[in-house]
N, C-alpha and C. Protein backbone atom coordinates (compact mmCIF):
# COMPACT_ATOMS: atom_id res chain seq x y z
N MET A 1 -62.53 -11.14 -50.22
CA MET A 1 -61.61 -11.11 -49.08
C MET A 1 -60.68 -9.91 -49.23
N ILE A 2 -60.54 -9.15 -48.18
CA ILE A 2 -59.72 -7.94 -48.19
C ILE A 2 -58.24 -8.31 -48.01
N GLU A 3 -57.36 -7.60 -48.72
CA GLU A 3 -55.94 -7.93 -48.63
C GLU A 3 -55.35 -7.39 -47.33
N ASN A 4 -54.24 -8.00 -46.90
CA ASN A 4 -53.63 -7.69 -45.60
C ASN A 4 -53.24 -6.23 -45.44
N GLN A 5 -52.70 -5.60 -46.49
CA GLN A 5 -52.26 -4.21 -46.39
C GLN A 5 -53.43 -3.28 -46.08
N LYS A 6 -54.51 -3.44 -46.81
CA LYS A 6 -55.70 -2.60 -46.61
C LYS A 6 -56.31 -2.87 -45.24
N LEU A 7 -56.35 -4.14 -44.87
CA LEU A 7 -56.91 -4.52 -43.58
C LEU A 7 -56.07 -3.95 -42.44
N ALA A 8 -54.75 -4.03 -42.58
CA ALA A 8 -53.85 -3.49 -41.55
C ALA A 8 -54.06 -1.99 -41.38
N LYS A 9 -54.31 -1.30 -42.48
CA LYS A 9 -54.57 0.14 -42.43
C LYS A 9 -55.86 0.43 -41.66
N ARG A 10 -56.89 -0.36 -41.92
CA ARG A 10 -58.18 -0.20 -41.21
C ARG A 10 -58.00 -0.51 -39.72
N ILE A 11 -57.27 -1.59 -39.43
CA ILE A 11 -57.03 -1.98 -38.04
C ILE A 11 -56.29 -0.87 -37.31
N LYS A 12 -55.27 -0.32 -37.94
CA LYS A 12 -54.49 0.75 -37.31
C LYS A 12 -55.37 1.97 -37.05
N GLY A 13 -56.26 2.29 -37.99
CA GLY A 13 -57.18 3.41 -37.81
C GLY A 13 -58.10 3.22 -36.61
N ILE A 14 -58.67 2.03 -36.50
CA ILE A 14 -59.54 1.71 -35.36
C ILE A 14 -58.75 1.74 -34.06
N PHE A 15 -57.54 1.20 -34.10
CA PHE A 15 -56.67 1.15 -32.93
C PHE A 15 -56.35 2.57 -32.43
N ILE A 16 -55.98 3.45 -33.34
CA ILE A 16 -55.65 4.84 -32.98
C ILE A 16 -56.89 5.56 -32.48
N GLU A 17 -58.02 5.34 -33.15
CA GLU A 17 -59.28 5.97 -32.74
C GLU A 17 -59.68 5.55 -31.33
N SER A 18 -59.34 4.33 -30.95
CA SER A 18 -59.68 3.83 -29.61
C SER A 18 -58.65 4.26 -28.57
N ARG A 19 -57.68 5.06 -28.97
CA ARG A 19 -56.59 5.50 -28.09
C ARG A 19 -55.85 4.30 -27.50
N ALA A 20 -55.59 3.33 -28.36
CA ALA A 20 -54.81 2.13 -28.03
C ALA A 20 -55.46 1.26 -26.95
N THR A 21 -56.79 1.32 -26.85
CA THR A 21 -57.47 0.52 -25.83
C THR A 21 -58.15 -0.72 -26.40
N TYR A 22 -58.35 -0.77 -27.71
CA TYR A 22 -59.03 -1.91 -28.32
C TYR A 22 -58.04 -3.03 -28.62
N GLY A 23 -58.42 -4.24 -28.25
CA GLY A 23 -57.66 -5.43 -28.59
C GLY A 23 -58.28 -6.12 -29.78
N THR A 24 -57.90 -7.37 -30.01
CA THR A 24 -58.35 -8.10 -31.20
C THR A 24 -59.87 -8.28 -31.24
N ARG A 25 -60.49 -8.57 -30.11
CA ARG A 25 -61.94 -8.81 -30.08
C ARG A 25 -62.73 -7.56 -30.48
N ARG A 26 -62.39 -6.44 -29.88
CA ARG A 26 -63.13 -5.22 -30.14
C ARG A 26 -62.85 -4.69 -31.55
N ILE A 27 -61.62 -4.83 -32.00
CA ILE A 27 -61.29 -4.39 -33.37
C ILE A 27 -62.05 -5.25 -34.37
N ARG A 28 -62.12 -6.56 -34.13
CA ARG A 28 -62.87 -7.45 -35.01
C ARG A 28 -64.34 -7.08 -35.05
N LYS A 29 -64.91 -6.75 -33.88
CA LYS A 29 -66.31 -6.31 -33.82
C LYS A 29 -66.52 -5.02 -34.61
N GLN A 30 -65.56 -4.10 -34.46
CA GLN A 30 -65.64 -2.83 -35.17
C GLN A 30 -65.57 -3.04 -36.68
N LEU A 31 -64.71 -3.95 -37.10
CA LEU A 31 -64.61 -4.28 -38.53
C LEU A 31 -65.91 -4.91 -39.03
N ALA A 32 -66.53 -5.71 -38.19
CA ALA A 32 -67.80 -6.36 -38.56
C ALA A 32 -68.90 -5.31 -38.80
N THR A 33 -68.86 -4.21 -38.03
CA THR A 33 -69.85 -3.14 -38.24
C THR A 33 -69.61 -2.44 -39.58
N GLN A 34 -68.38 -2.55 -40.10
CA GLN A 34 -68.04 -1.99 -41.42
C GLN A 34 -68.20 -3.06 -42.51
N GLU A 35 -68.85 -4.16 -42.14
CA GLU A 35 -69.11 -5.30 -43.03
C GLU A 35 -67.84 -5.93 -43.58
N ILE A 36 -66.82 -6.02 -42.72
CA ILE A 36 -65.58 -6.71 -43.07
C ILE A 36 -65.49 -7.93 -42.17
N SER A 37 -65.61 -9.10 -42.78
CA SER A 37 -65.57 -10.36 -42.04
C SER A 37 -64.12 -10.85 -41.98
N VAL A 38 -63.61 -10.96 -40.76
CA VAL A 38 -62.22 -11.37 -40.57
C VAL A 38 -62.11 -12.09 -39.23
N SER A 39 -61.19 -13.04 -39.13
CA SER A 39 -61.04 -13.78 -37.88
C SER A 39 -60.23 -12.97 -36.87
N ARG A 40 -60.45 -13.29 -35.61
CA ARG A 40 -59.72 -12.62 -34.53
C ARG A 40 -58.23 -12.92 -34.62
N LYS A 41 -57.88 -14.13 -35.03
CA LYS A 41 -56.47 -14.51 -35.17
C LYS A 41 -55.77 -13.68 -36.24
N ARG A 42 -56.49 -13.40 -37.33
CA ARG A 42 -55.90 -12.60 -38.40
C ARG A 42 -55.69 -11.16 -37.92
N VAL A 43 -56.66 -10.63 -37.20
CA VAL A 43 -56.53 -9.29 -36.63
C VAL A 43 -55.32 -9.26 -35.70
N GLY A 44 -55.20 -10.27 -34.85
CA GLY A 44 -54.08 -10.35 -33.92
C GLY A 44 -52.74 -10.42 -34.63
N ARG A 45 -52.68 -11.20 -35.68
CA ARG A 45 -51.43 -11.34 -36.44
C ARG A 45 -51.03 -10.01 -37.08
N LEU A 46 -51.99 -9.32 -37.67
CA LEU A 46 -51.71 -8.03 -38.31
C LEU A 46 -51.36 -6.96 -37.26
N MET A 47 -51.99 -7.03 -36.11
CA MET A 47 -51.64 -6.09 -35.04
C MET A 47 -50.21 -6.33 -34.59
N LYS A 48 -49.85 -7.59 -34.43
CA LYS A 48 -48.49 -7.93 -34.00
C LYS A 48 -47.46 -7.48 -35.03
N GLN A 49 -47.75 -7.69 -36.31
CA GLN A 49 -46.83 -7.28 -37.38
C GLN A 49 -46.63 -5.76 -37.42
N ASN A 50 -47.64 -5.03 -37.00
CA ASN A 50 -47.58 -3.56 -37.01
C ASN A 50 -47.30 -2.97 -35.63
N GLN A 51 -46.85 -3.81 -34.69
CA GLN A 51 -46.51 -3.40 -33.33
C GLN A 51 -47.65 -2.62 -32.65
N LEU A 52 -48.87 -3.11 -32.80
CA LEU A 52 -50.03 -2.51 -32.16
C LEU A 52 -50.40 -3.35 -30.94
N CYS A 53 -50.12 -2.82 -29.78
CA CYS A 53 -50.39 -3.55 -28.53
C CYS A 53 -51.28 -2.67 -27.66
N CYS A 54 -52.46 -3.19 -27.30
CA CYS A 54 -53.41 -2.38 -26.55
C CYS A 54 -53.01 -2.25 -25.09
N LYS A 55 -53.48 -1.14 -24.50
CA LYS A 55 -53.26 -0.90 -23.07
C LYS A 55 -54.20 -1.82 -22.29
N ILE A 56 -53.67 -2.45 -21.27
CA ILE A 56 -54.48 -3.35 -20.46
C ILE A 56 -54.90 -2.61 -19.20
N LYS A 57 -56.20 -2.54 -18.97
CA LYS A 57 -56.72 -1.89 -17.78
C LYS A 57 -56.57 -2.84 -16.60
N ARG A 58 -55.82 -2.41 -15.62
CA ARG A 58 -55.60 -3.23 -14.43
C ARG A 58 -56.77 -3.10 -13.46
N LYS A 59 -57.00 -4.15 -12.72
CA LYS A 59 -58.06 -4.15 -11.72
C LYS A 59 -57.68 -3.18 -10.60
N PHE A 60 -58.65 -2.40 -10.12
CA PHE A 60 -58.41 -1.44 -9.05
C PHE A 60 -58.04 -2.17 -7.77
N LYS A 61 -56.95 -1.75 -7.17
CA LYS A 61 -56.50 -2.38 -5.93
C LYS A 61 -56.93 -1.51 -4.75
N VAL A 62 -57.70 -2.08 -3.85
CA VAL A 62 -58.17 -1.37 -2.67
C VAL A 62 -57.01 -1.22 -1.70
N THR A 63 -56.77 0.02 -1.25
CA THR A 63 -55.65 0.26 -0.33
C THR A 63 -56.12 0.71 1.04
N THR A 64 -57.42 0.89 1.21
CA THR A 64 -57.96 1.36 2.47
C THR A 64 -58.86 0.30 3.08
N ASP A 65 -58.69 0.07 4.37
CA ASP A 65 -59.54 -0.87 5.09
C ASP A 65 -60.56 -0.07 5.90
N SER A 66 -61.75 0.05 5.39
CA SER A 66 -62.79 0.83 6.07
C SER A 66 -63.56 0.01 7.10
N LYS A 67 -63.33 -1.28 7.14
CA LYS A 67 -64.07 -2.16 8.07
C LYS A 67 -63.19 -2.55 9.26
N HIS A 68 -62.60 -1.55 9.89
CA HIS A 68 -61.75 -1.83 11.05
C HIS A 68 -62.49 -1.45 12.33
N ARG A 69 -61.95 -1.85 13.46
CA ARG A 69 -62.58 -1.57 14.75
C ARG A 69 -61.91 -0.41 15.48
N LEU A 70 -61.00 0.28 14.81
CA LEU A 70 -60.32 1.41 15.42
C LEU A 70 -61.26 2.61 15.51
N PRO A 71 -61.04 3.50 16.50
CA PRO A 71 -61.92 4.66 16.61
C PRO A 71 -61.72 5.60 15.41
N VAL A 72 -62.81 6.17 14.93
CA VAL A 72 -62.77 7.10 13.80
C VAL A 72 -62.68 8.51 14.35
N ALA A 73 -61.77 9.31 13.80
CA ALA A 73 -61.58 10.68 14.27
C ALA A 73 -62.81 11.54 13.99
N LYS A 74 -63.05 12.50 14.87
CA LYS A 74 -64.19 13.41 14.73
C LYS A 74 -63.95 14.32 13.52
N ASN A 75 -65.02 14.63 12.79
CA ASN A 75 -64.94 15.51 11.62
C ASN A 75 -64.99 16.96 12.09
N VAL A 76 -63.83 17.51 12.45
CA VAL A 76 -63.75 18.85 13.03
C VAL A 76 -64.04 19.92 11.98
N LEU A 77 -63.54 19.76 10.77
CA LEU A 77 -63.72 20.77 9.72
C LEU A 77 -65.14 20.80 9.17
N ASP A 78 -65.82 19.68 9.18
CA ASP A 78 -67.17 19.56 8.64
C ASP A 78 -67.27 20.18 7.25
N ARG A 79 -66.30 19.86 6.40
CA ARG A 79 -66.20 20.29 5.00
C ARG A 79 -66.08 21.80 4.82
N ASP A 80 -65.66 22.51 5.87
CA ASP A 80 -65.39 23.95 5.76
C ASP A 80 -63.88 24.12 5.58
N PHE A 81 -63.44 24.26 4.32
CA PHE A 81 -62.02 24.31 4.02
C PHE A 81 -61.51 25.74 3.85
N SER A 82 -62.18 26.69 4.47
CA SER A 82 -61.71 28.07 4.42
C SER A 82 -61.02 28.41 5.74
N ALA A 83 -60.02 29.29 5.67
CA ALA A 83 -59.31 29.72 6.87
C ALA A 83 -59.10 31.23 6.78
N THR A 84 -59.17 31.92 7.92
CA THR A 84 -59.03 33.38 7.93
C THR A 84 -57.61 33.84 8.24
N ARG A 85 -56.77 32.91 8.72
CA ARG A 85 -55.37 33.27 9.03
C ARG A 85 -54.49 32.03 8.88
N PRO A 86 -53.19 32.25 8.72
CA PRO A 86 -52.27 31.11 8.57
C PRO A 86 -52.25 30.25 9.83
N ASN A 87 -51.93 28.98 9.66
CA ASN A 87 -51.78 28.01 10.76
C ASN A 87 -53.06 27.81 11.57
N GLN A 88 -54.19 28.15 10.98
CA GLN A 88 -55.47 27.96 11.68
C GLN A 88 -56.01 26.55 11.43
N LYS A 89 -55.93 26.11 10.16
CA LYS A 89 -56.44 24.79 9.79
C LYS A 89 -55.43 24.10 8.89
N TYR A 90 -55.16 22.83 9.22
CA TYR A 90 -54.29 21.99 8.41
C TYR A 90 -55.10 20.80 7.89
N VAL A 91 -54.76 20.36 6.70
CA VAL A 91 -55.29 19.10 6.18
C VAL A 91 -54.11 18.27 5.71
N GLY A 92 -54.33 16.98 5.60
CA GLY A 92 -53.23 16.10 5.17
C GLY A 92 -53.71 14.97 4.30
N ASP A 93 -52.73 14.35 3.66
CA ASP A 93 -53.03 13.22 2.80
C ASP A 93 -51.79 12.34 2.70
N ILE A 94 -52.01 11.09 2.35
CA ILE A 94 -50.91 10.16 2.11
C ILE A 94 -51.03 9.66 0.68
N THR A 95 -49.92 9.72 -0.04
CA THR A 95 -49.87 9.26 -1.43
C THR A 95 -48.93 8.08 -1.54
N TYR A 96 -49.32 7.09 -2.33
CA TYR A 96 -48.52 5.90 -2.56
C TYR A 96 -47.69 6.12 -3.82
N ILE A 97 -46.40 5.86 -3.76
CA ILE A 97 -45.52 6.02 -4.92
C ILE A 97 -44.81 4.69 -5.16
N ARG A 98 -45.04 4.12 -6.36
CA ARG A 98 -44.39 2.85 -6.69
C ARG A 98 -42.99 3.12 -7.25
N THR A 99 -42.00 2.42 -6.73
CA THR A 99 -40.63 2.53 -7.23
C THR A 99 -40.15 1.12 -7.58
N GLN A 100 -38.97 1.03 -8.18
CA GLN A 100 -38.42 -0.27 -8.52
C GLN A 100 -38.09 -1.09 -7.27
N GLN A 101 -37.80 -0.40 -6.17
CA GLN A 101 -37.47 -1.10 -4.92
C GLN A 101 -38.70 -1.43 -4.08
N GLY A 102 -39.86 -0.92 -4.45
CA GLY A 102 -41.08 -1.17 -3.68
C GLY A 102 -41.86 0.12 -3.50
N TRP A 103 -42.79 0.11 -2.56
CA TRP A 103 -43.65 1.28 -2.34
C TRP A 103 -42.99 2.29 -1.42
N LEU A 104 -43.22 3.58 -1.71
CA LEU A 104 -42.88 4.67 -0.81
C LEU A 104 -44.18 5.38 -0.47
N TYR A 105 -44.24 5.96 0.72
CA TYR A 105 -45.44 6.64 1.17
C TYR A 105 -45.09 8.08 1.49
N LEU A 106 -45.82 9.02 0.90
CA LEU A 106 -45.59 10.44 1.09
C LEU A 106 -46.76 11.02 1.86
N ALA A 107 -46.46 11.55 3.06
CA ALA A 107 -47.48 12.21 3.86
C ALA A 107 -47.28 13.71 3.71
N VAL A 108 -48.36 14.44 3.45
CA VAL A 108 -48.28 15.87 3.20
C VAL A 108 -49.26 16.60 4.11
N VAL A 109 -48.83 17.75 4.65
CA VAL A 109 -49.69 18.61 5.45
C VAL A 109 -49.81 19.94 4.72
N ILE A 110 -51.04 20.42 4.52
CA ILE A 110 -51.30 21.65 3.79
C ILE A 110 -52.01 22.65 4.70
N ASP A 111 -51.54 23.91 4.67
CA ASP A 111 -52.20 24.99 5.40
C ASP A 111 -53.36 25.48 4.53
N LEU A 112 -54.57 25.45 5.06
CA LEU A 112 -55.75 25.84 4.27
C LEU A 112 -55.82 27.33 3.97
N PHE A 113 -55.09 28.15 4.70
CA PHE A 113 -55.09 29.59 4.41
C PHE A 113 -54.28 29.89 3.15
N SER A 114 -53.05 29.40 3.10
CA SER A 114 -52.17 29.66 1.95
C SER A 114 -52.30 28.61 0.86
N ARG A 115 -52.91 27.46 1.19
CA ARG A 115 -53.04 26.33 0.25
C ARG A 115 -51.67 25.81 -0.19
N LYS A 116 -50.69 25.93 0.69
CA LYS A 116 -49.35 25.46 0.38
C LYS A 116 -48.96 24.33 1.32
N VAL A 117 -48.04 23.49 0.83
CA VAL A 117 -47.52 22.40 1.64
C VAL A 117 -46.63 23.00 2.72
N VAL A 118 -46.93 22.71 3.98
CA VAL A 118 -46.13 23.23 5.08
C VAL A 118 -45.35 22.12 5.79
N GLY A 119 -45.66 20.88 5.47
CA GLY A 119 -44.93 19.76 6.05
C GLY A 119 -45.10 18.51 5.23
N TRP A 120 -44.04 17.71 5.19
CA TRP A 120 -44.12 16.46 4.43
C TRP A 120 -43.11 15.47 4.99
N ALA A 121 -43.35 14.21 4.74
CA ALA A 121 -42.43 13.14 5.13
C ALA A 121 -42.62 11.98 4.17
N MET A 122 -41.51 11.27 3.89
CA MET A 122 -41.58 10.12 2.98
C MET A 122 -40.85 8.96 3.64
N GLU A 123 -41.50 7.79 3.63
CA GLU A 123 -40.92 6.59 4.22
C GLU A 123 -41.31 5.37 3.38
N ASP A 124 -40.68 4.25 3.71
CA ASP A 124 -41.03 3.00 3.03
C ASP A 124 -42.06 2.20 3.84
N HIS A 125 -42.64 2.84 4.84
CA HIS A 125 -43.69 2.22 5.65
C HIS A 125 -44.79 3.25 5.89
N MET A 126 -45.97 2.76 6.23
CA MET A 126 -47.09 3.65 6.51
C MET A 126 -47.51 3.46 7.96
N GLU A 127 -46.69 3.99 8.82
CA GLU A 127 -46.96 3.91 10.26
C GLU A 127 -47.23 5.32 10.78
N ALA A 128 -47.62 5.42 12.04
CA ALA A 128 -47.96 6.71 12.63
C ALA A 128 -46.80 7.69 12.57
N SER A 129 -45.57 7.20 12.65
CA SER A 129 -44.40 8.08 12.63
C SER A 129 -44.30 8.88 11.33
N LEU A 130 -44.79 8.32 10.24
CA LEU A 130 -44.78 9.01 8.95
C LEU A 130 -45.60 10.30 9.03
N VAL A 131 -46.82 10.19 9.54
CA VAL A 131 -47.70 11.35 9.67
C VAL A 131 -47.18 12.31 10.73
N ASN A 132 -46.66 11.77 11.82
CA ASN A 132 -46.11 12.61 12.89
C ASN A 132 -44.96 13.47 12.37
N ASP A 133 -44.07 12.88 11.57
CA ASP A 133 -42.93 13.64 11.03
C ASP A 133 -43.41 14.77 10.13
N ALA A 134 -44.42 14.51 9.31
CA ALA A 134 -44.96 15.56 8.43
C ALA A 134 -45.60 16.67 9.26
N LEU A 135 -46.32 16.31 10.30
CA LEU A 135 -46.97 17.29 11.16
C LEU A 135 -45.95 18.11 11.94
N LEU A 136 -44.89 17.46 12.43
CA LEU A 136 -43.83 18.18 13.15
C LEU A 136 -43.14 19.19 12.24
N MET A 137 -42.94 18.84 10.97
CA MET A 137 -42.35 19.79 10.03
C MET A 137 -43.26 21.00 9.85
N ALA A 138 -44.57 20.77 9.84
CA ALA A 138 -45.53 21.86 9.65
C ALA A 138 -45.55 22.80 10.85
N LEU A 139 -45.34 22.24 12.03
CA LEU A 139 -45.38 23.06 13.25
C LEU A 139 -44.05 23.71 13.44
């Protein structure tokens, strides 16, 4: 039976090698490949004593509803993102920003000629006025 200090050192090595993504189950499996038989509870206890807490991968949250009955805009650019002069082609995007008070939404308009932001707006709602404000700033 391996002593706690040596085992903790091995656990920490595996934990660091996994970039803090391995929990007790995976670390125990990794130790088993090194022919070290140890219980998951012991691994957990030693991890806790050494303040080793793995990163938990959160489930992806879908933010877009693609199954709506609203009309879909025509693809005018047809993946041609080049422009020969300023203010010829604009593209936009909306980014979600989590704050302590809730979500904020940032709408950005980019000129494809200069590749710079020419308009933006931020609100606590994602309504048409958000995009309109960003577009008005660009114009």
